[in-house]
Amino acid sequence: MKTIASICFLVLLTLSFARAGGSVDWEFHALPILKQHPELLSIIEHSLDVSKTGSGVRLGKDFGKDQGKRIPPYEFDARPKGSSGDYNLILIIHDPSGMSDENDNQTWIEIRPKK
């Protein structure tokens, strides 16, 4: 029953997101999450230069007082540590806190080439 309720909640949550994303700040949005997971933060700090601003999902009007709030996944432009030139990677920070069962509540990162 808990799984069905979680699935229904996620479907409704997905339908309520505004189509447009919103800007997020590395220090304000991403770092607090990553500081709770020092192993992920260490990987990022040792291997990537990350843009100070990124994007996140913006909650829609169905969320009342939380309307406009940015939530993960957060996406930031990145490049290999110490390299110069354009950001050629995308760092994605996933943090499903509060949106899944307690045992499923894992934070993870993804690094993809920028298209």
N, C-alpha and C. Protein backbone atom coordinates (compact mmCIF):
# COMPACT_ATOMS: atom_id res chain seq x y z
N MET A 1 0.82 -1.19 0.00
CA MET A 1 0.00 0.00 0.00
C MET A 1 0.86 1.26 0.00
N LYS A 2 1.94 1.21 0.79
CA LYS A 2 2.84 2.36 0.86
C LYS A 2 3.46 2.63 -0.51
N THR A 3 3.81 1.56 -1.24
CA THR A 3 4.40 1.71 -2.56
C THR A 3 3.41 2.33 -3.53
N ILE A 4 2.16 1.90 -3.50
CA ILE A 4 1.14 2.46 -4.38
C ILE A 4 0.94 3.94 -4.07
N ALA A 5 0.89 4.28 -2.79
CA ALA A 5 0.72 5.69 -2.40
C ALA A 5 1.91 6.51 -2.88
N SER A 6 3.12 5.96 -2.79
CA SER A 6 4.31 6.66 -3.25
C SER A 6 4.27 6.89 -4.75
N ILE A 7 3.84 5.88 -5.49
CA ILE A 7 3.75 6.00 -6.94
C ILE A 7 2.72 7.06 -7.32
N CYS A 8 1.55 7.03 -6.68
CA CYS A 8 0.52 8.04 -6.96
C CYS A 8 1.03 9.44 -6.65
N PHE A 9 1.73 9.59 -5.53
CA PHE A 9 2.28 10.89 -5.16
C PHE A 9 3.26 11.38 -6.21
N LEU A 10 4.15 10.50 -6.67
CA LEU A 10 5.14 10.90 -7.67
C LEU A 10 4.49 11.29 -8.99
N VAL A 11 3.44 10.56 -9.39
CA VAL A 11 2.73 10.90 -10.62
C VAL A 11 2.10 12.28 -10.49
N LEU A 12 1.41 12.53 -9.39
CA LEU A 12 0.79 13.83 -9.17
C LEU A 12 1.84 14.93 -9.09
N LEU A 13 2.95 14.65 -8.44
CA LEU A 13 4.02 15.62 -8.32
C LEU A 13 4.57 15.97 -9.69
N THR A 14 4.78 14.97 -10.51
CA THR A 14 5.30 15.19 -11.86
C THR A 14 4.35 16.03 -12.69
N LEU A 15 3.05 15.79 -12.57
CA LEU A 15 2.07 16.56 -13.33
C LEU A 15 1.99 18.00 -12.88
N SER A 16 2.40 18.29 -11.65
CA SER A 16 2.27 19.63 -11.11
C SER A 16 3.50 20.50 -11.34
N PHE A 17 4.56 19.96 -11.88
CA PHE A 17 5.75 20.77 -12.12
C PHE A 17 5.47 21.77 -13.24
N ALA A 18 6.00 22.96 -13.07
CA ALA A 18 5.95 23.93 -14.16
C ALA A 18 6.89 23.42 -15.25
N ARG A 19 6.56 23.70 -16.48
CA ARG A 19 7.40 23.23 -17.57
C ARG A 19 8.78 23.90 -17.55
N ALA A 20 8.80 25.15 -17.18
CA ALA A 20 10.07 25.87 -17.16
C ALA A 20 10.83 25.53 -15.88
N GLY A 21 12.11 25.38 -16.03
CA GLY A 21 12.95 25.19 -14.85
C GLY A 21 13.27 26.53 -14.24
N GLY A 22 14.01 26.51 -13.19
CA GLY A 22 14.41 27.74 -12.54
C GLY A 22 15.88 27.71 -12.22
N SER A 23 16.47 28.88 -12.09
CA SER A 23 17.88 28.96 -11.75
C SER A 23 18.12 28.51 -10.32
N VAL A 24 19.24 27.83 -10.12
CA VAL A 24 19.66 27.42 -8.78
C VAL A 24 21.12 27.82 -8.58
N ASP A 25 21.47 28.04 -7.33
CA ASP A 25 22.81 28.47 -6.97
C ASP A 25 23.57 27.28 -6.37
N TRP A 26 24.82 27.10 -6.78
CA TRP A 26 25.63 25.99 -6.30
C TRP A 26 25.71 25.99 -4.78
N GLU A 27 26.04 27.13 -4.19
CA GLU A 27 26.25 27.21 -2.74
C GLU A 27 24.95 27.04 -1.96
N PHE A 28 23.86 27.60 -2.46
CA PHE A 28 22.60 27.59 -1.72
C PHE A 28 21.80 26.30 -1.91
N HIS A 29 21.79 25.77 -3.13
CA HIS A 29 20.97 24.60 -3.43
C HIS A 29 21.73 23.28 -3.40
N ALA A 30 22.87 23.21 -4.07
CA ALA A 30 23.58 21.94 -4.24
C ALA A 30 24.47 21.58 -3.05
N LEU A 31 25.25 22.54 -2.57
CA LEU A 31 26.20 22.22 -1.49
C LEU A 31 25.56 21.66 -0.23
N PRO A 32 24.43 22.18 0.24
CA PRO A 32 23.83 21.58 1.43
C PRO A 32 23.50 20.09 1.26
N ILE A 33 23.07 19.71 0.07
CA ILE A 33 22.80 18.29 -0.20
C ILE A 33 24.10 17.50 -0.22
N LEU A 34 25.09 18.01 -0.94
CA LEU A 34 26.35 17.29 -1.10
C LEU A 34 27.15 17.20 0.19
N LYS A 35 27.01 18.17 1.07
CA LYS A 35 27.71 18.11 2.36
C LYS A 35 27.19 16.96 3.22
N GLN A 36 25.98 16.52 2.96
CA GLN A 36 25.43 15.36 3.66
C GLN A 36 25.98 14.05 3.08
N HIS A 37 26.65 14.16 1.94
CA HIS A 37 27.22 13.01 1.25
C HIS A 37 28.66 13.34 0.84
N PRO A 38 29.57 13.38 1.82
CA PRO A 38 30.94 13.84 1.55
C PRO A 38 31.66 13.04 0.46
N GLU A 39 31.30 11.78 0.28
CA GLU A 39 31.94 10.99 -0.76
C GLU A 39 31.61 11.53 -2.15
N LEU A 40 30.37 11.98 -2.35
CA LEU A 40 29.99 12.56 -3.64
C LEU A 40 30.65 13.92 -3.82
N LEU A 41 30.64 14.73 -2.77
CA LEU A 41 31.26 16.05 -2.83
C LEU A 41 32.75 15.92 -3.16
N SER A 42 33.41 14.95 -2.56
CA SER A 42 34.83 14.73 -2.81
C SER A 42 35.09 14.38 -4.28
N ILE A 43 34.27 13.52 -4.84
CA ILE A 43 34.41 13.15 -6.25
C ILE A 43 34.29 14.39 -7.13
N ILE A 44 33.29 15.21 -6.86
CA ILE A 44 33.07 16.42 -7.66
C ILE A 44 34.23 17.39 -7.50
N GLU A 45 34.63 17.67 -6.25
CA GLU A 45 35.69 18.65 -6.00
C GLU A 45 37.03 18.24 -6.58
N HIS A 46 37.30 16.94 -6.65
CA HIS A 46 38.59 16.47 -7.16
C HIS A 46 38.61 16.26 -8.67
N SER A 47 37.44 16.22 -9.30
CA SER A 47 37.45 15.89 -10.73
C SER A 47 36.78 16.92 -11.64
N LEU A 48 36.03 17.87 -11.07
CA LEU A 48 35.28 18.80 -11.93
C LEU A 48 35.40 20.25 -11.49
N ASP A 49 35.37 21.15 -12.45
CA ASP A 49 35.10 22.56 -12.21
C ASP A 49 33.63 22.74 -12.57
N VAL A 50 32.86 23.28 -11.63
CA VAL A 50 31.40 23.37 -11.81
C VAL A 50 30.96 24.83 -11.85
N SER A 51 30.05 25.12 -12.75
CA SER A 51 29.46 26.45 -12.85
C SER A 51 28.76 26.80 -11.54
N LYS A 52 28.76 28.06 -11.18
CA LYS A 52 28.14 28.50 -9.92
C LYS A 52 26.62 28.57 -9.99
N THR A 53 26.07 28.58 -11.20
CA THR A 53 24.60 28.56 -11.34
C THR A 53 24.19 27.40 -12.23
N GLY A 54 23.01 26.88 -11.95
CA GLY A 54 22.48 25.76 -12.71
C GLY A 54 20.98 25.89 -12.82
N SER A 55 20.32 24.76 -12.99
CA SER A 55 18.86 24.77 -13.09
C SER A 55 18.27 23.63 -12.28
N GLY A 56 17.03 23.81 -11.89
CA GLY A 56 16.30 22.80 -11.15
C GLY A 56 14.85 22.81 -11.56
N VAL A 57 14.11 21.85 -11.09
CA VAL A 57 12.69 21.76 -11.38
C VAL A 57 11.98 22.82 -10.53
N ARG A 58 11.06 23.55 -11.13
CA ARG A 58 10.30 24.56 -10.41
C ARG A 58 8.91 24.03 -10.13
N LEU A 59 8.51 24.05 -8.85
CA LEU A 59 7.19 23.56 -8.47
C LEU A 59 6.10 24.47 -9.02
N GLY A 60 5.01 23.87 -9.46
CA GLY A 60 3.90 24.60 -10.04
C GLY A 60 2.92 25.14 -9.02
N LYS A 61 1.88 25.74 -9.52
CA LYS A 61 0.90 26.44 -8.68
C LYS A 61 0.15 25.51 -7.73
N ASP A 62 0.10 24.22 -8.01
CA ASP A 62 -0.60 23.28 -7.13
C ASP A 62 0.12 23.07 -5.80
N PHE A 63 1.30 23.64 -5.64
CA PHE A 63 2.07 23.46 -4.42
C PHE A 63 1.92 24.61 -3.44
N GLY A 64 0.96 25.48 -3.68
CA GLY A 64 0.64 26.56 -2.74
C GLY A 64 1.85 27.38 -2.36
N LYS A 65 2.14 27.40 -1.06
CA LYS A 65 3.25 28.24 -0.57
C LYS A 65 4.61 27.80 -1.10
N ASP A 66 4.71 26.58 -1.60
CA ASP A 66 5.97 26.11 -2.18
C ASP A 66 6.07 26.40 -3.68
N GLN A 67 5.04 27.04 -4.24
CA GLN A 67 5.06 27.37 -5.66
C GLN A 67 6.31 28.18 -5.98
N GLY A 68 6.98 27.80 -7.04
CA GLY A 68 8.18 28.49 -7.47
C GLY A 68 9.46 27.95 -6.85
N LYS A 69 9.35 27.12 -5.83
CA LYS A 69 10.52 26.52 -5.18
C LYS A 69 11.23 25.61 -6.17
N ARG A 70 12.55 25.62 -6.14
CA ARG A 70 13.35 24.74 -7.00
C ARG A 70 13.72 23.49 -6.22
N ILE A 71 13.55 22.35 -6.87
CA ILE A 71 13.88 21.07 -6.24
C ILE A 71 14.74 20.24 -7.20
N PRO A 72 15.50 19.27 -6.67
CA PRO A 72 16.30 18.39 -7.54
C PRO A 72 15.41 17.55 -8.45
N PRO A 73 15.95 17.09 -9.55
CA PRO A 73 17.37 17.10 -9.86
C PRO A 73 17.85 18.49 -10.28
N TYR A 74 19.07 18.82 -9.83
CA TYR A 74 19.73 20.05 -10.21
C TYR A 74 20.75 19.73 -11.29
N GLU A 75 20.86 20.61 -12.28
CA GLU A 75 21.83 20.44 -13.36
C GLU A 75 22.77 21.62 -13.39
N PHE A 76 24.07 21.32 -13.45
CA PHE A 76 25.10 22.35 -13.53
C PHE A 76 26.05 22.02 -14.67
N ASP A 77 26.47 23.04 -15.40
CA ASP A 77 27.52 22.85 -16.40
C ASP A 77 28.82 22.56 -15.67
N ALA A 78 29.65 21.71 -16.26
CA ALA A 78 30.91 21.33 -15.64
C ALA A 78 31.95 21.03 -16.72
N ARG A 79 33.19 20.92 -16.28
CA ARG A 79 34.30 20.51 -17.17
C ARG A 79 35.33 19.80 -16.31
N PRO A 80 36.20 19.03 -16.93
CA PRO A 80 37.24 18.35 -16.15
C PRO A 80 38.07 19.36 -15.35
N LYS A 81 38.42 19.00 -14.15
CA LYS A 81 39.18 19.87 -13.24
C LYS A 81 40.44 20.40 -13.92
N GLY A 82 40.63 21.71 -13.85
CA GLY A 82 41.83 22.33 -14.38
C GLY A 82 41.83 22.58 -15.88
N SER A 83 40.80 22.14 -16.58
CA SER A 83 40.78 22.37 -18.02
C SER A 83 40.27 23.79 -18.30
N SER A 84 40.54 24.27 -19.50
CA SER A 84 40.06 25.59 -19.87
C SER A 84 39.05 25.45 -21.00
N GLY A 85 38.42 26.53 -21.31
CA GLY A 85 37.45 26.50 -22.39
C GLY A 85 36.05 26.29 -21.89
N ASP A 86 35.19 25.89 -22.80
CA ASP A 86 33.78 25.74 -22.50
C ASP A 86 33.52 24.60 -21.53
N TYR A 87 32.41 24.73 -20.80
CA TYR A 87 31.92 23.62 -19.99
C TYR A 87 31.37 22.58 -20.96
N ASN A 88 31.92 21.38 -20.95
CA ASN A 88 31.50 20.36 -21.91
C ASN A 88 30.79 19.17 -21.27
N LEU A 89 30.49 19.30 -19.97
CA LEU A 89 29.79 18.24 -19.25
C LEU A 89 28.58 18.82 -18.52
N ILE A 90 27.68 17.94 -18.14
CA ILE A 90 26.56 18.33 -17.29
C ILE A 90 26.60 17.46 -16.04
N LEU A 91 26.63 18.10 -14.89
CA LEU A 91 26.56 17.40 -13.61
C LEU A 91 25.12 17.46 -13.14
N ILE A 92 24.54 16.29 -12.87
CA ILE A 92 23.16 16.22 -12.40
C ILE A 92 23.16 15.65 -10.99
N ILE A 93 22.54 16.37 -10.08
CA ILE A 93 22.46 15.95 -8.69
C ILE A 93 21.03 15.51 -8.41
N HIS A 94 20.86 14.24 -8.11
CA HIS A 94 19.56 13.67 -7.79
C HIS A 94 19.45 13.54 -6.27
N ASP A 95 18.35 14.02 -5.71
CA ASP A 95 18.12 13.90 -4.28
C ASP A 95 16.62 13.76 -4.04
N PRO A 96 16.14 12.52 -3.96
CA PRO A 96 14.69 12.29 -3.82
C PRO A 96 14.17 12.43 -2.40
N SER A 97 14.87 13.15 -1.53
CA SER A 97 14.44 13.30 -0.13
C SER A 97 12.97 13.68 -0.04
N GLY A 98 12.27 12.93 0.79
CA GLY A 98 10.87 13.24 1.02
C GLY A 98 9.91 12.79 -0.07
N MET A 99 10.43 12.21 -1.15
CA MET A 99 9.54 11.82 -2.24
C MET A 99 9.50 10.31 -2.44
N SER A 100 10.15 9.55 -1.56
CA SER A 100 10.12 8.10 -1.71
C SER A 100 10.17 7.46 -0.32
N ASP A 101 10.03 6.14 -0.30
CA ASP A 101 10.12 5.42 0.95
C ASP A 101 11.48 5.66 1.60
N GLU A 102 11.52 5.58 2.91
CA GLU A 102 12.75 5.87 3.65
C GLU A 102 13.94 5.04 3.17
N ASN A 103 13.72 3.78 2.84
CA ASN A 103 14.81 2.91 2.41
C ASN A 103 15.30 3.22 1.00
N ASP A 104 14.49 3.94 0.23
CA ASP A 104 14.83 4.27 -1.15
C ASP A 104 15.45 5.66 -1.28
N ASN A 105 15.66 6.32 -0.20
CA ASN A 105 16.03 7.72 -0.20
C ASN A 105 17.53 7.90 -0.44
N GLN A 106 17.98 7.73 -1.67
CA GLN A 106 19.40 7.83 -1.98
C GLN A 106 19.67 9.06 -2.84
N THR A 107 20.80 9.68 -2.56
CA THR A 107 21.27 10.79 -3.37
C THR A 107 22.34 10.25 -4.30
N TRP A 108 22.34 10.68 -5.56
CA TRP A 108 23.37 10.24 -6.48
C TRP A 108 23.64 11.35 -7.47
N ILE A 109 24.79 11.22 -8.15
CA ILE A 109 25.15 12.19 -9.18
C ILE A 109 25.30 11.47 -10.51
N GLU A 110 25.16 12.27 -11.55
CA GLU A 110 25.30 11.78 -12.91
C GLU A 110 26.17 12.80 -13.64
N ILE A 111 27.06 12.33 -14.48
CA ILE A 111 27.87 13.23 -15.31
C ILE A 111 27.68 12.80 -16.74
N ARG A 112 27.23 13.75 -17.56
CA ARG A 112 26.97 13.44 -18.97
C ARG A 112 27.70 14.44 -19.87
N PRO A 113 28.01 14.01 -21.08
CA PRO A 113 28.57 15.00 -22.03
C PRO A 113 27.48 16.01 -22.40
N LYS A 114 27.88 17.23 -22.59
CA LYS A 114 26.94 18.27 -22.99
C LYS A 114 26.73 18.16 -24.50
N LYS A 115 25.48 18.24 -24.91
CA LYS A 115 25.17 18.10 -26.35
C LYS A 115 25.26 19.43 -27.05
